[in-house]
């Protein structure tokens, strides 16, 4: 991979991280129930706090992806550090999928009967499938790197 492409992808990762961070800060203020709440009560809502805790895994995956692209841009894709970064991305995707599924189950079981959680649950399903796809892709790439490494050592 050319270094310029790796830098471009790193820039995309940074911009995605900034966009998600802005969303995490701004969304609770615009949510319907928050209209009559002060800032402290908005940001101490247990579900919002759960979302912030789960986002830590997302930002770790972004950071590891950023590092992985750095290794690839320096032509060190087969290094153990790159393999570790890829493994971390895979595990973060799995954990994030589980956390999103748990949030969806929580909303399904405990939502207010006057609310319709269909939109949120649809987003949860899509996000879980994306997390599964990322974990599967990382697993496939990790196996190919491991196979290539084994072929080099023979």
Protein backbone atom coordinates (compact mmCIF):
# COMPACT_ATOMS: atom_id res chain seq x y z
CA UNK A 1 0.00 0.00 0.00
CA UNK A 2 1.30 3.42 -0.85
CA UNK A 3 2.14 5.68 2.06
CA UNK A 4 -0.18 8.39 0.72
CA UNK A 5 -3.15 5.98 0.77
CA UNK A 6 -2.32 4.94 4.32
CA UNK A 7 -2.18 8.61 5.39
CA UNK A 8 -5.50 9.28 3.64
CA UNK A 9 -7.13 6.36 5.46
CA UNK A 10 -5.65 7.53 8.76
CA UNK A 11 -7.19 10.94 8.10
CA UNK A 12 -10.55 9.29 7.45
CA UNK A 13 -10.25 7.42 10.75
CA UNK A 14 -9.47 10.65 12.64
CA UNK A 15 -12.42 12.43 11.01
CA UNK A 16 -14.73 9.52 11.83
CA UNK A 17 -13.55 9.64 15.44
CA UNK A 18 -14.21 13.37 15.65
CA UNK A 19 -17.67 12.93 14.10
CA UNK A 20 -18.59 10.20 16.59
CA UNK A 21 -17.28 12.28 19.49
CA UNK A 22 -19.37 15.29 18.39
CA UNK A 23 -22.39 12.98 18.07
CA UNK A 24 -21.84 11.57 21.56
CA UNK A 25 -21.68 15.06 23.04
CA UNK A 26 -24.49 16.61 21.00
CA UNK A 27 -27.08 13.81 20.75
CA UNK A 28 -28.17 13.70 24.41
CA UNK A 29 -29.04 17.41 24.22
CA UNK A 30 -31.35 16.90 21.26
CA UNK A 31 -33.03 13.72 22.47
CA UNK A 32 -36.75 14.19 23.20
CA UNK A 33 -36.78 13.53 26.95
CA UNK A 34 -33.87 15.92 27.52
CA UNK A 35 -35.87 19.04 26.68
CA UNK A 36 -36.80 19.66 30.32
CA UNK A 37 -33.56 18.45 31.93
CA UNK A 38 -30.43 20.32 32.94
CA UNK A 39 -26.96 19.33 31.69
CA UNK A 40 -26.11 17.26 34.75
CA UNK A 41 -29.25 15.11 34.55
CA UNK A 42 -28.86 14.61 30.81
CA UNK A 43 -25.31 13.30 31.06
CA UNK A 44 -25.94 11.16 34.17
CA UNK A 45 -28.70 9.13 32.56
CA UNK A 46 -27.67 5.46 32.97
CA UNK A 47 -28.31 4.62 29.33
CA UNK A 48 -26.26 7.61 28.12
CA UNK A 49 -23.45 6.59 30.49
CA UNK A 50 -23.64 3.05 29.09
CA UNK A 51 -23.28 4.50 25.59
CA UNK A 52 -20.21 6.46 26.67
CA UNK A 53 -18.66 3.38 28.29
CA UNK A 54 -19.33 1.31 25.17
CA UNK A 55 -17.83 4.02 22.99
CA UNK A 56 -14.48 3.50 24.69
CA UNK A 57 -14.23 0.16 22.87
CA UNK A 58 -15.04 1.92 19.59
CA UNK A 59 -12.32 4.52 20.11
CA UNK A 60 -9.79 1.83 21.04
CA UNK A 61 -10.63 0.07 17.76
CA UNK A 62 -10.17 3.34 15.87
CA UNK A 63 -6.81 3.91 17.53
CA UNK A 64 -5.65 0.37 16.75
CA UNK A 65 -6.83 0.78 13.15
CA UNK A 66 -4.88 4.02 12.93
CA UNK A 67 -1.77 2.24 14.22
CA UNK A 68 -2.33 -0.68 11.84
CA UNK A 69 -2.48 1.68 8.86
CA UNK A 70 0.75 3.26 10.09
CA UNK A 71 2.45 -0.15 10.06
CA UNK A 72 1.06 -0.90 6.62
CA UNK A 73 2.21 2.48 5.30
CA UNK A 74 5.75 1.76 6.55
CA UNK A 75 5.63 -1.68 4.89
CA UNK A 76 5.58 -3.52 8.22
CA UNK A 77 2.25 -5.25 7.69
CA UNK A 78 3.68 -8.64 8.61
CA UNK A 79 5.17 -7.50 11.91
CA UNK A 80 3.98 -8.80 15.23
CA UNK A 81 2.89 -5.28 16.21
CA UNK A 82 0.63 -5.09 13.14
CA UNK A 83 -0.79 -8.53 13.91
CA UNK A 84 -1.46 -7.44 17.49
CA UNK A 85 -3.22 -4.29 16.31
CA UNK A 86 -5.37 -6.33 13.93
CA UNK A 87 -6.20 -8.80 16.70
CA UNK A 88 -7.19 -5.90 18.96
CA UNK A 89 -9.50 -4.51 16.26
CA UNK A 90 -11.11 -7.95 15.94
CA UNK A 91 -11.68 -8.26 19.69
CA UNK A 92 -12.99 -4.69 19.93
CA UNK A 93 -15.47 -5.40 17.13
CA UNK A 94 -16.69 -8.52 18.94
CA UNK A 95 -17.06 -6.70 22.27
CA UNK A 96 -18.77 -3.73 20.62
CA UNK A 97 -21.24 -6.04 18.89
CA UNK A 98 -22.06 -7.68 22.22
CA UNK A 99 -22.48 -4.30 23.95
CA UNK A 100 -24.76 -3.01 21.20
CA UNK A 101 -26.84 -6.19 21.29
CA UNK A 102 -27.13 -5.84 25.09
CA UNK A 103 -28.32 -2.25 24.70
CA UNK A 104 -30.91 -3.36 22.17
CA UNK A 105 -32.14 -6.11 24.47
CA UNK A 106 -32.32 -3.66 27.36
CA UNK A 107 -34.44 -1.24 25.34
CA UNK A 108 -36.66 -4.05 24.08
CA UNK A 109 -37.36 -5.34 27.59
CA UNK A 110 -37.52 -2.10 29.59
CA UNK A 111 -38.79 0.52 27.13
CA UNK A 112 -41.78 2.67 27.97
CA UNK A 113 -44.87 1.00 26.53
CA UNK A 114 -45.88 4.30 24.90
CA UNK A 115 -42.58 4.48 22.99
CA UNK A 116 -41.85 2.62 19.79
CA UNK A 117 -38.30 1.20 19.92
CA UNK A 118 -38.37 -0.18 16.36
CA UNK A 119 -35.98 2.44 14.94
CA UNK A 120 -33.45 2.00 17.73
CA UNK A 121 -33.64 -1.77 17.46
CA UNK A 122 -33.13 -1.61 13.69
CA UNK A 123 -30.01 0.52 14.23
CA UNK A 124 -28.80 -2.00 16.81
CA UNK A 125 -29.25 -4.87 14.37
CA UNK A 126 -27.38 -3.04 11.62
CA UNK A 127 -24.57 -2.04 14.00
CA UNK A 128 -24.21 -5.61 15.28
CA UNK A 129 -23.97 -6.93 11.71
CA UNK A 130 -21.33 -4.28 10.89
CA UNK A 131 -19.36 -5.31 13.99
CA UNK A 132 -19.60 -8.96 12.95
CA UNK A 133 -18.40 -8.07 9.44
CA UNK A 134 -15.43 -6.12 10.80
CA UNK A 135 -14.49 -8.97 13.14
CA UNK A 136 -14.79 -11.51 10.32
CA UNK A 137 -12.71 -9.40 7.94
CA UNK A 138 -10.04 -8.89 10.60
CA UNK A 139 -10.01 -12.63 11.28
CA UNK A 140 -9.58 -13.45 7.59
CA UNK A 141 -6.74 -10.95 7.17
CA UNK A 142 -5.09 -12.20 10.36
CA UNK A 143 -5.20 -15.80 9.09
CA UNK A 144 -3.73 -14.76 5.73
CA UNK A 145 -0.92 -12.88 7.46
CA UNK A 146 -0.26 -15.86 9.70
CA UNK A 147 -0.20 -18.20 6.70
CA UNK A 148 2.16 -15.88 4.82
CA UNK A 149 4.41 -15.71 7.88
CA UNK A 150 4.47 -19.50 8.17
CA UNK A 151 5.34 -19.78 4.46
CA UNK A 152 8.25 -17.35 4.93
CA UNK A 153 9.70 -19.30 7.85
CA UNK A 154 9.73 -22.60 5.93
